[in-house]
């Protein structure tokens, strides 16, 4: 009877030796994930009249954009804020930008031109980026503010092609 178990014991010993050489569970690389953030005061509400709006910049000939950097007339628009805590806020605009031109919104069909969004002092809002020197909005003690803005077309190529020049942008109000 002992002779029947000898091959089994030899097989078990061989398997144990192989398992010792090649561990079953290999150790993977490890690392650390750090999460950062902040809890801040509630942000403002955007007034119903300015929450979803269409700004008609206008119709312009391609000849207006003879050089890179040429712009159309500006069209003024506003974003109204209410139910805010008094303090300082910024506005962030998000949307698609033409490749290499984060300061412009990409338009639907026209080529070589985009939409530039500016504050009332002429400071450009880059699209989809945090601004190191943002335009600031001061909210009064009554919790309201009106943000005066402008939009215009700006060429970024030496040739501008005709077509619809529509774009969409979302915006967010951020407490500073």
N, C-alpha and C. Protein backbone atom coordinates (compact mmCIF):
# COMPACT_ATOMS: atom_id res chain seq x y z
N UNK A 1 0.79 -1.18 0.00
CA UNK A 1 0.00 0.00 0.00
C UNK A 1 0.85 1.27 0.00
N UNK A 2 1.94 1.22 0.60
CA UNK A 2 2.80 2.39 0.63
C UNK A 2 3.42 2.68 -0.71
N UNK A 3 3.57 1.69 -1.55
CA UNK A 3 4.14 1.92 -2.87
C UNK A 3 3.19 2.68 -3.77
N UNK A 4 1.88 2.60 -3.56
CA UNK A 4 0.92 3.35 -4.36
C UNK A 4 0.99 4.85 -4.06
N UNK A 5 1.31 5.19 -2.85
CA UNK A 5 1.34 6.60 -2.46
C UNK A 5 2.65 7.30 -2.77
N UNK A 6 3.68 6.57 -3.07
CA UNK A 6 4.99 7.16 -3.35
C UNK A 6 4.93 8.05 -4.59
N UNK A 7 4.32 7.59 -5.76
CA UNK A 7 4.25 8.51 -6.90
C UNK A 7 3.42 9.75 -6.59
N UNK A 8 2.39 9.58 -5.80
CA UNK A 8 1.55 10.73 -5.44
C UNK A 8 2.35 11.71 -4.60
N UNK A 9 3.10 11.21 -3.63
CA UNK A 9 3.90 12.08 -2.78
C UNK A 9 4.98 12.78 -3.59
N UNK A 10 5.59 12.08 -4.56
CA UNK A 10 6.61 12.69 -5.41
C UNK A 10 5.98 13.80 -6.25
N UNK A 11 4.77 13.57 -6.75
CA UNK A 11 4.08 14.60 -7.54
C UNK A 11 3.76 15.82 -6.70
N UNK A 12 3.31 15.59 -5.47
CA UNK A 12 3.00 16.71 -4.57
C UNK A 12 4.25 17.49 -4.23
N UNK A 13 5.36 16.81 -4.00
CA UNK A 13 6.62 17.47 -3.68
C UNK A 13 7.09 18.31 -4.86
N UNK A 14 6.95 17.78 -6.08
CA UNK A 14 7.35 18.52 -7.27
C UNK A 14 6.47 19.76 -7.46
N UNK A 15 5.19 19.62 -7.22
CA UNK A 15 4.27 20.75 -7.35
C UNK A 15 4.59 21.83 -6.33
N UNK A 16 4.92 21.42 -5.11
CA UNK A 16 5.28 22.38 -4.07
C UNK A 16 6.55 23.12 -4.43
N UNK A 17 7.51 22.41 -5.02
CA UNK A 17 8.76 23.04 -5.42
C UNK A 17 8.52 24.06 -6.53
N UNK A 18 7.67 23.72 -7.51
CA UNK A 18 7.35 24.64 -8.60
C UNK A 18 6.60 25.85 -8.06
N UNK A 19 5.68 25.65 -7.12
CA UNK A 19 4.92 26.75 -6.55
C UNK A 19 5.82 27.70 -5.77
N UNK A 20 6.86 27.17 -5.16
CA UNK A 20 7.78 28.01 -4.42
C UNK A 20 8.60 28.88 -5.37
N UNK A 21 8.91 28.36 -6.56
CA UNK A 21 9.68 29.11 -7.54
C UNK A 21 8.81 30.17 -8.21
N UNK A 22 7.58 29.81 -8.60
CA UNK A 22 6.65 30.73 -9.27
C UNK A 22 5.46 31.00 -8.37
N UNK A 23 5.48 32.09 -7.63
CA UNK A 23 4.35 32.36 -6.73
C UNK A 23 3.06 32.52 -7.52
N UNK A 24 1.98 32.06 -6.94
CA UNK A 24 0.67 32.10 -7.59
C UNK A 24 0.20 33.54 -7.73
N UNK A 25 0.32 34.35 -6.73
CA UNK A 25 -0.13 35.74 -6.79
C UNK A 25 1.07 36.66 -6.97
N UNK A 26 1.23 37.25 -8.13
CA UNK A 26 2.34 38.17 -8.39
C UNK A 26 2.00 39.53 -7.79
N UNK A 27 2.99 40.18 -7.24
CA UNK A 27 2.80 41.49 -6.64
C UNK A 27 2.79 42.54 -7.74
N UNK A 28 1.74 43.37 -7.82
CA UNK A 28 1.64 44.44 -8.82
C UNK A 28 2.22 45.72 -8.25
N UNK A 29 2.50 46.68 -9.12
CA UNK A 29 2.99 47.99 -8.69
C UNK A 29 1.89 48.71 -7.92
N UNK A 30 2.27 49.54 -6.99
CA UNK A 30 1.30 50.29 -6.19
C UNK A 30 1.57 51.77 -6.33
N UNK A 31 0.63 52.57 -5.92
CA UNK A 31 0.77 54.02 -5.99
C UNK A 31 -0.22 54.68 -5.06
N UNK A 32 -0.28 55.98 -5.16
CA UNK A 32 -1.15 56.77 -4.30
C UNK A 32 -1.99 57.69 -5.15
N UNK A 33 -3.25 57.83 -4.83
CA UNK A 33 -4.14 58.79 -5.48
C UNK A 33 -4.46 59.85 -4.44
N UNK A 34 -4.21 61.10 -4.80
CA UNK A 34 -4.52 62.21 -3.91
C UNK A 34 -5.73 62.95 -4.47
N UNK A 35 -6.65 63.25 -3.63
CA UNK A 35 -7.84 64.01 -4.02
C UNK A 35 -7.79 65.35 -3.32
N UNK A 36 -8.05 66.40 -4.08
CA UNK A 36 -8.06 67.73 -3.51
C UNK A 36 -9.34 68.42 -3.90
N UNK A 37 -9.80 69.30 -3.09
CA UNK A 37 -11.01 70.04 -3.40
C UNK A 37 -11.31 71.00 -2.27
N UNK A 38 -12.47 71.58 -2.35
CA UNK A 38 -12.87 72.55 -1.36
C UNK A 38 -14.39 72.65 -1.38
N UNK A 39 -14.97 72.84 -0.25
CA UNK A 39 -16.40 73.10 -0.15
C UNK A 39 -16.54 74.60 0.07
N UNK A 40 -17.32 75.24 -0.82
CA UNK A 40 -17.46 76.69 -0.75
C UNK A 40 -18.94 77.05 -0.60
N UNK A 41 -19.16 78.33 -0.46
CA UNK A 41 -20.53 78.82 -0.36
C UNK A 41 -21.32 78.43 -1.60
N UNK A 42 -22.61 78.42 -1.45
CA UNK A 42 -23.47 78.16 -2.61
C UNK A 42 -23.22 79.20 -3.68
N UNK A 43 -23.31 78.76 -4.91
CA UNK A 43 -23.15 79.71 -5.99
C UNK A 43 -24.48 80.41 -6.26
N UNK A 44 -24.46 81.27 -7.22
CA UNK A 44 -25.63 82.08 -7.55
C UNK A 44 -26.60 81.34 -8.46
N UNK A 45 -27.77 81.91 -8.56
CA UNK A 45 -28.73 81.49 -9.58
C UNK A 45 -28.62 82.48 -10.73
N UNK A 46 -28.72 81.96 -11.94
CA UNK A 46 -28.75 82.83 -13.12
C UNK A 46 -30.21 83.20 -13.35
N UNK A 47 -30.46 84.46 -13.65
CA UNK A 47 -31.84 84.90 -13.86
C UNK A 47 -32.45 84.15 -15.04
N UNK A 48 -33.73 83.94 -14.98
CA UNK A 48 -34.45 83.22 -16.04
C UNK A 48 -34.26 83.89 -17.39
N UNK A 49 -34.26 85.20 -17.42
CA UNK A 49 -34.15 85.94 -18.69
C UNK A 49 -32.78 85.76 -19.35
N UNK A 50 -31.75 85.42 -18.57
CA UNK A 50 -30.40 85.33 -19.16
C UNK A 50 -29.80 83.92 -19.10
N UNK A 51 -30.52 82.98 -18.54
CA UNK A 51 -29.99 81.62 -18.37
C UNK A 51 -29.74 80.93 -19.71
N UNK A 52 -30.71 80.96 -20.58
CA UNK A 52 -30.61 80.37 -21.92
C UNK A 52 -30.95 81.47 -22.91
N UNK A 53 -29.95 81.95 -23.61
CA UNK A 53 -30.20 83.07 -24.52
C UNK A 53 -29.45 82.87 -25.83
N UNK A 54 -29.89 83.59 -26.82
CA UNK A 54 -29.24 83.60 -28.12
C UNK A 54 -28.71 85.00 -28.37
N UNK A 55 -27.42 85.09 -28.66
CA UNK A 55 -26.79 86.37 -28.98
C UNK A 55 -26.58 86.39 -30.49
N UNK A 56 -27.23 87.32 -31.16
CA UNK A 56 -27.10 87.44 -32.61
C UNK A 56 -25.94 88.40 -32.88
N UNK A 57 -24.82 87.83 -33.31
CA UNK A 57 -23.63 88.64 -33.57
C UNK A 57 -23.78 89.41 -34.87
N UNK A 58 -24.42 88.81 -35.85
CA UNK A 58 -24.68 89.50 -37.11
C UNK A 58 -24.12 88.76 -38.30
N UNK A 59 -24.28 89.39 -39.47
CA UNK A 59 -23.81 88.83 -40.74
C UNK A 59 -22.71 89.73 -41.27
N UNK A 60 -21.58 89.12 -41.60
CA UNK A 60 -20.42 89.88 -42.06
C UNK A 60 -19.83 89.23 -43.30
N UNK A 61 -19.27 90.02 -44.22
CA UNK A 61 -18.63 89.45 -45.41
C UNK A 61 -17.25 88.88 -45.06
N UNK A 62 -16.81 87.88 -45.81
CA UNK A 62 -15.48 87.31 -45.57
C UNK A 62 -14.39 88.37 -45.77
N UNK A 63 -14.66 89.38 -46.59
CA UNK A 63 -13.66 90.43 -46.86
C UNK A 63 -13.34 91.26 -45.61
N UNK A 64 -14.21 91.23 -44.60
CA UNK A 64 -13.94 91.95 -43.35
C UNK A 64 -12.72 91.35 -42.65
N UNK A 65 -12.47 90.07 -42.89
CA UNK A 65 -11.40 89.36 -42.21
C UNK A 65 -10.21 89.16 -43.16
N UNK A 66 -9.61 90.28 -43.56
CA UNK A 66 -8.50 90.25 -44.52
C UNK A 66 -7.20 89.75 -43.89
N UNK A 67 -7.08 89.91 -42.57
CA UNK A 67 -5.85 89.52 -41.87
C UNK A 67 -6.18 88.66 -40.66
N UNK A 68 -5.23 87.86 -40.24
CA UNK A 68 -5.39 87.10 -39.01
C UNK A 68 -5.57 88.09 -37.85
N UNK A 69 -6.56 87.87 -37.03
CA UNK A 69 -6.82 88.75 -35.89
C UNK A 69 -7.86 89.82 -36.14
N UNK A 70 -8.36 89.92 -37.38
CA UNK A 70 -9.42 90.90 -37.66
C UNK A 70 -10.69 90.49 -36.93
N UNK A 71 -11.46 91.47 -36.48
CA UNK A 71 -12.67 91.19 -35.70
C UNK A 71 -13.87 91.92 -36.29
N UNK A 72 -15.04 91.39 -36.00
CA UNK A 72 -16.30 92.04 -36.36
C UNK A 72 -16.68 93.01 -35.26
N UNK A 73 -17.79 93.68 -35.45
CA UNK A 73 -18.35 94.50 -34.37
C UNK A 73 -18.76 93.57 -33.22
N UNK A 74 -18.73 94.12 -32.03
CA UNK A 74 -19.12 93.33 -30.85
C UNK A 74 -20.61 93.42 -30.62
N UNK A 75 -21.18 92.37 -30.11
CA UNK A 75 -22.59 92.35 -29.71
C UNK A 75 -22.64 92.19 -28.19
N UNK A 76 -23.24 93.15 -27.53
CA UNK A 76 -23.33 93.12 -26.07
C UNK A 76 -24.40 92.14 -25.61
N UNK A 77 -24.14 91.48 -24.51
CA UNK A 77 -25.14 90.65 -23.85
C UNK A 77 -24.83 90.63 -22.36
N UNK A 78 -25.79 90.16 -21.58
CA UNK A 78 -25.65 90.17 -20.12
C UNK A 78 -25.99 88.82 -19.53
N UNK A 79 -25.40 88.57 -18.38
CA UNK A 79 -25.80 87.44 -17.55
C UNK A 79 -26.18 88.03 -16.20
N UNK A 80 -27.42 87.81 -15.81
CA UNK A 80 -27.92 88.32 -14.54
C UNK A 80 -27.81 87.27 -13.46
N UNK A 81 -27.41 87.69 -12.28
CA UNK A 81 -27.26 86.79 -11.13
C UNK A 81 -28.20 87.23 -10.02
N UNK A 82 -28.71 86.26 -9.29
CA UNK A 82 -29.58 86.53 -8.15
C UNK A 82 -29.39 85.45 -7.10
N UNK A 83 -29.88 85.71 -5.91
CA UNK A 83 -29.80 84.76 -4.79
C UNK A 83 -28.36 84.35 -4.48
N UNK A 84 -27.46 85.29 -4.61
CA UNK A 84 -26.05 85.03 -4.34
C UNK A 84 -25.69 85.50 -2.94
N UNK A 85 -24.65 84.91 -2.40
CA UNK A 85 -24.04 85.49 -1.22
C UNK A 85 -23.16 86.63 -1.71
N UNK A 86 -23.12 87.72 -0.97
CA UNK A 86 -22.27 88.84 -1.37
C UNK A 86 -20.83 88.35 -1.45
N UNK A 87 -20.11 88.83 -2.44
CA UNK A 87 -18.72 88.42 -2.59
C UNK A 87 -18.27 88.49 -4.02
N UNK A 88 -17.16 87.83 -4.28
CA UNK A 88 -16.53 87.86 -5.60
C UNK A 88 -16.73 86.53 -6.31
N UNK A 89 -17.11 86.61 -7.57
CA UNK A 89 -17.36 85.43 -8.40
C UNK A 89 -16.63 85.60 -9.72
N UNK A 90 -16.46 84.49 -10.42
CA UNK A 90 -15.94 84.52 -11.79
C UNK A 90 -16.89 83.73 -12.67
N UNK A 91 -16.73 83.91 -13.96
CA UNK A 91 -17.53 83.15 -14.93
C UNK A 91 -16.58 82.34 -15.78
N UNK A 92 -16.93 81.09 -16.01
CA UNK A 92 -16.15 80.20 -16.86
C UNK A 92 -17.02 79.79 -18.05
N UNK A 93 -16.49 79.92 -19.27
CA UNK A 93 -17.18 79.50 -20.47
C UNK A 93 -16.55 78.21 -20.99
N UNK A 94 -17.38 77.25 -21.36
CA UNK A 94 -16.92 75.98 -21.91
C UNK A 94 -17.56 75.75 -23.27
N UNK A 95 -16.88 75.04 -24.12
CA UNK A 95 -17.36 74.72 -25.46
C UNK A 95 -16.21 74.22 -26.30
N UNK A 96 -16.44 74.04 -27.58
CA UNK A 96 -15.39 73.58 -28.49
C UNK A 96 -14.61 74.78 -29.00
N UNK A 97 -13.29 74.63 -28.98
CA UNK A 97 -12.41 75.67 -29.50
C UNK A 97 -11.71 75.14 -30.75
N UNK A 98 -11.42 76.02 -31.71
CA UNK A 98 -10.64 75.58 -32.87
C UNK A 98 -9.24 75.14 -32.40
N UNK A 99 -8.68 74.14 -33.05
CA UNK A 99 -7.35 73.64 -32.68
C UNK A 99 -6.34 74.78 -32.63
N UNK A 100 -5.65 74.89 -31.52
CA UNK A 100 -4.63 75.93 -31.37
C UNK A 100 -5.14 77.30 -30.99
N UNK A 101 -6.46 77.43 -30.77
CA UNK A 101 -7.03 78.75 -30.46
C UNK A 101 -8.00 78.65 -29.29
N UNK A 102 -7.47 78.46 -28.08
CA UNK A 102 -8.33 78.28 -26.90
C UNK A 102 -9.09 79.53 -26.49
N UNK A 103 -8.79 80.65 -27.13
CA UNK A 103 -9.49 81.90 -26.81
C UNK A 103 -10.75 82.09 -27.63
N UNK A 104 -11.06 81.13 -28.52
CA UNK A 104 -12.21 81.26 -29.41
C UNK A 104 -13.13 80.06 -29.30
N UNK A 105 -14.40 80.27 -29.59
CA UNK A 105 -15.35 79.18 -29.77
C UNK A 105 -15.35 78.77 -31.23
N UNK A 106 -15.30 77.48 -31.50
CA UNK A 106 -15.38 77.00 -32.87
C UNK A 106 -16.80 77.24 -33.39
N UNK A 107 -16.89 77.62 -34.65
CA UNK A 107 -18.19 77.87 -35.27
C UNK A 107 -18.59 76.68 -36.14
N UNK A 108 -19.88 76.65 -36.50
CA UNK A 108 -20.47 75.49 -37.16
C UNK A 108 -19.94 75.21 -38.57
N UNK A 109 -19.84 76.19 -39.45
CA UNK A 109 -19.47 75.92 -40.84
C UNK A 109 -18.39 76.84 -41.39
N UNK A 110 -18.45 78.11 -41.10
CA UNK A 110 -17.45 79.05 -41.62
C UNK A 110 -16.07 78.58 -41.17
N UNK A 111 -15.06 78.86 -41.97
CA UNK A 111 -13.71 78.42 -41.63
C UNK A 111 -12.80 79.61 -41.38
N UNK A 112 -11.79 79.40 -40.53
CA UNK A 112 -10.81 80.43 -40.26
C UNK A 112 -11.26 81.52 -39.32
N UNK A 113 -12.41 81.34 -38.71
CA UNK A 113 -12.97 82.34 -37.82
C UNK A 113 -13.62 81.64 -36.62
N UNK A 114 -13.62 82.31 -35.48
CA UNK A 114 -14.27 81.79 -34.28
C UNK A 114 -14.95 82.92 -33.54
N UNK A 115 -15.57 82.59 -32.43
CA UNK A 115 -16.27 83.60 -31.62
C UNK A 115 -15.44 83.87 -30.37
N UNK A 116 -15.22 85.17 -30.14
CA UNK A 116 -14.46 85.61 -28.98
C UNK A 116 -15.44 86.21 -27.97
N UNK A 117 -15.32 85.80 -26.71
CA UNK A 117 -16.17 86.34 -25.63
C UNK A 117 -15.29 87.22 -24.75
N UNK A 118 -15.77 88.43 -24.50
CA UNK A 118 -14.99 89.39 -23.72
C UNK A 118 -15.84 89.96 -22.58
N UNK A 119 -15.18 90.40 -21.53
CA UNK A 119 -15.91 91.14 -20.50
C UNK A 119 -16.03 92.58 -20.96
N UNK A 120 -16.67 93.40 -20.17
CA UNK A 120 -16.95 94.78 -20.58
C UNK A 120 -15.68 95.62 -20.67
N UNK A 121 -14.58 95.12 -20.09
CA UNK A 121 -13.30 95.84 -20.17
C UNK A 121 -12.40 95.30 -21.28
N UNK A 122 -12.92 94.37 -22.07
CA UNK A 122 -12.14 93.84 -23.19
C UNK A 122 -11.29 92.63 -22.85
N UNK A 123 -11.40 92.09 -21.65
CA UNK A 123 -10.63 90.90 -21.26
C UNK A 123 -11.29 89.67 -21.88
N UNK A 124 -10.48 88.85 -22.57
CA UNK A 124 -10.98 87.68 -23.28
C UNK A 124 -11.13 86.50 -22.31
N UNK A 125 -12.24 85.79 -22.45
CA UNK A 125 -12.47 84.56 -21.69
C UNK A 125 -11.97 83.37 -22.52
N UNK A 126 -10.92 82.68 -22.10
CA UNK A 126 -10.54 81.47 -22.84
C UNK A 126 -11.61 80.41 -22.66
N UNK A 127 -11.76 79.56 -23.64
CA UNK A 127 -12.82 78.55 -23.63
C UNK A 127 -12.32 77.28 -22.95
N UNK A 128 -13.07 76.81 -21.96
CA UNK A 128 -12.77 75.55 -21.31
C UNK A 128 -11.52 75.57 -20.46
N UNK A 129 -11.12 76.71 -19.97
CA UNK A 129 -9.91 76.77 -19.16
C UNK A 129 -10.13 77.66 -17.95
N UNK A 130 -9.38 77.34 -16.91
CA UNK A 130 -9.36 78.25 -15.78
C UNK A 130 -8.50 79.44 -16.18
N UNK A 131 -8.91 80.59 -15.77
CA UNK A 131 -8.22 81.82 -16.13
C UNK A 131 -7.35 82.23 -14.95
N UNK A 132 -6.06 82.50 -15.22
CA UNK A 132 -5.17 82.90 -14.13
C UNK A 132 -5.48 84.30 -13.64
N UNK A 133 -5.98 85.15 -14.50
CA UNK A 133 -6.35 86.51 -14.13
C UNK A 133 -7.79 86.75 -14.60
N UNK A 134 -8.76 86.14 -13.91
CA UNK A 134 -10.13 86.17 -14.42
C UNK A 134 -10.81 87.52 -14.23
N UNK A 135 -11.83 87.72 -15.04
CA UNK A 135 -12.70 88.87 -14.83
C UNK A 135 -13.53 88.57 -13.58
N UNK A 136 -13.60 89.52 -12.70
CA UNK A 136 -14.29 89.30 -11.44
C UNK A 136 -15.65 89.98 -11.44
N UNK A 137 -16.59 89.33 -10.79
CA UNK A 137 -17.95 89.84 -10.65
C UNK A 137 -18.18 90.08 -9.17
N UNK A 138 -18.48 91.30 -8.82
CA UNK A 138 -18.76 91.62 -7.42
C UNK A 138 -20.27 91.61 -7.21
N UNK A 139 -20.71 90.78 -6.28
CA UNK A 139 -22.14 90.68 -5.97
C UNK A 139 -22.42 91.54 -4.75
N UNK A 140 -23.42 92.39 -4.88
CA UNK A 140 -23.80 93.32 -3.82
C UNK A 140 -24.47 92.59 -2.66
N UNK A 141 -24.69 93.32 -1.59
CA UNK A 141 -25.31 92.75 -0.39
C UNK A 141 -26.72 92.23 -0.65
N UNK A 142 -27.40 92.77 -1.68
CA UNK A 142 -28.75 92.29 -1.99
C UNK A 142 -28.74 90.96 -2.77
N UNK A 143 -27.53 90.44 -3.09
CA UNK A 143 -27.42 89.14 -3.75
C UNK A 143 -27.61 89.16 -5.25
N UNK A 144 -27.53 90.34 -5.88
CA UNK A 144 -27.72 90.42 -7.33
C UNK A 144 -26.51 91.05 -8.00
N UNK A 145 -26.36 90.73 -9.27
CA UNK A 145 -25.32 91.35 -10.09
C UNK A 145 -25.70 91.17 -11.55
N UNK A 146 -25.23 92.07 -12.37
CA UNK A 146 -25.39 91.96 -13.82
C UNK A 146 -24.01 91.98 -14.43
N UNK A 147 -23.72 90.95 -15.21
CA UNK A 147 -22.41 90.84 -15.85
C UNK A 147 -22.57 91.27 -17.31
N UNK A 148 -21.88 92.34 -17.66
CA UNK A 148 -21.91 92.85 -19.03
C UNK A 148 -20.80 92.18 -19.84
N UNK A 149 -21.17 91.58 -20.96
CA UNK A 149 -20.23 90.85 -21.81
C UNK A 149 -20.39 91.26 -23.26
N UNK A 150 -19.45 90.83 -24.08
CA UNK A 150 -19.51 91.08 -25.53
C UNK A 150 -19.07 89.83 -26.26
N UNK A 151 -19.59 89.66 -27.47
CA UNK A 151 -19.16 88.57 -28.34
C UNK A 151 -18.91 89.14 -29.73
N UNK A 152 -17.91 88.57 -30.40
CA UNK A 152 -17.60 89.01 -31.76
C UNK A 152 -16.88 87.88 -32.49
N UNK A 153 -16.86 87.99 -33.81
CA UNK A 153 -16.10 87.05 -34.63
C UNK A 153 -14.66 87.55 -34.70
N UNK A 154 -13.73 86.59 -34.71
CA UNK A 154 -12.32 86.93 -34.85
C UNK A 154 -11.67 85.90 -35.75
N UNK A 155 -10.91 86.38 -36.75
CA UNK A 155 -10.25 85.44 -37.67
C UNK A 155 -8.96 84.92 -37.05
N UNK A 156 -8.71 83.64 -37.30
CA UNK A 156 -7.46 83.04 -36.84
C UNK A 156 -6.67 82.43 -38.00
N UNK A 157 -7.17 82.60 -39.21
CA UNK A 157 -6.49 82.11 -40.41
C UNK A 157 -6.44 83.25 -41.43
N UNK A 158 -5.52 83.14 -42.36
CA UNK A 158 -5.38 84.21 -43.36
C UNK A 158 -6.53 84.21 -44.36
N UNK A 159 -7.24 83.09 -44.47
CA UNK A 159 -8.41 83.02 -45.35
C UNK A 159 -9.61 82.57 -44.53
N UNK A 160 -10.68 83.32 -44.62
CA UNK A 160 -11.93 82.97 -43.93
C UNK A 160 -12.92 82.49 -44.98
N UNK A 161 -13.49 81.31 -44.73
CA UNK A 161 -14.47 80.75 -45.64
C UNK A 161 -15.88 81.02 -45.16
N UNK A 162 -16.79 81.25 -46.10
CA UNK A 162 -18.18 81.57 -45.78
C UNK A 162 -18.92 80.36 -45.24
N UNK A 163 -19.96 80.61 -44.49
CA UNK A 163 -20.82 79.57 -43.93
C UNK A 163 -21.43 80.06 -42.63
N UNK A 164 -22.37 79.28 -42.12
CA UNK A 164 -22.96 79.63 -40.82
C UNK A 164 -21.85 79.69 -39.79
N UNK A 165 -21.97 80.63 -38.87
CA UNK A 165 -20.95 80.80 -37.84
C UNK A 165 -21.62 80.77 -36.47
N UNK A 166 -22.27 79.66 -36.18
CA UNK A 166 -22.99 79.47 -34.92
C UNK A 166 -22.14 78.65 -33.96
N UNK A 167 -22.36 78.85 -32.69
CA UNK A 167 -21.66 78.07 -31.66
C UNK A 167 -22.48 78.07 -30.39
N UNK A 168 -22.25 77.07 -29.56
CA UNK A 168 -22.88 76.99 -28.24
C UNK A 168 -21.79 76.98 -27.18
N UNK A 169 -22.09 77.59 -26.06
CA UNK A 169 -21.17 77.58 -24.93
C UNK A 169 -21.99 77.46 -23.66
N UNK A 170 -21.51 76.65 -22.75
CA UNK A 170 -22.11 76.63 -21.42
C UNK A 170 -21.25 77.54 -20.54
N UNK A 171 -21.84 78.04 -19.49
CA UNK A 171 -21.07 78.86 -18.57
C UNK A 171 -21.40 78.45 -17.14
N UNK A 172 -20.47 78.71 -16.26
CA UNK A 172 -20.70 78.43 -14.85
C UNK A 172 -20.19 79.62 -14.02
N UNK A 173 -20.88 79.84 -12.93
CA UNK A 173 -20.52 80.91 -12.01
C UNK A 173 -19.77 80.25 -10.86
N UNK A 174 -18.58 80.77 -10.56
CA UNK A 174 -17.75 80.17 -9.53
C UNK A 174 -17.43 81.19 -8.46
N UNK A 175 -17.62 80.79 -7.21
CA UNK A 175 -17.30 81.66 -6.09
C UNK A 175 -15.79 81.69 -5.91
N UNK A 176 -15.23 82.85 -5.66
CA UNK A 176 -13.78 83.00 -5.46
C UNK A 176 -13.46 83.12 -4.00
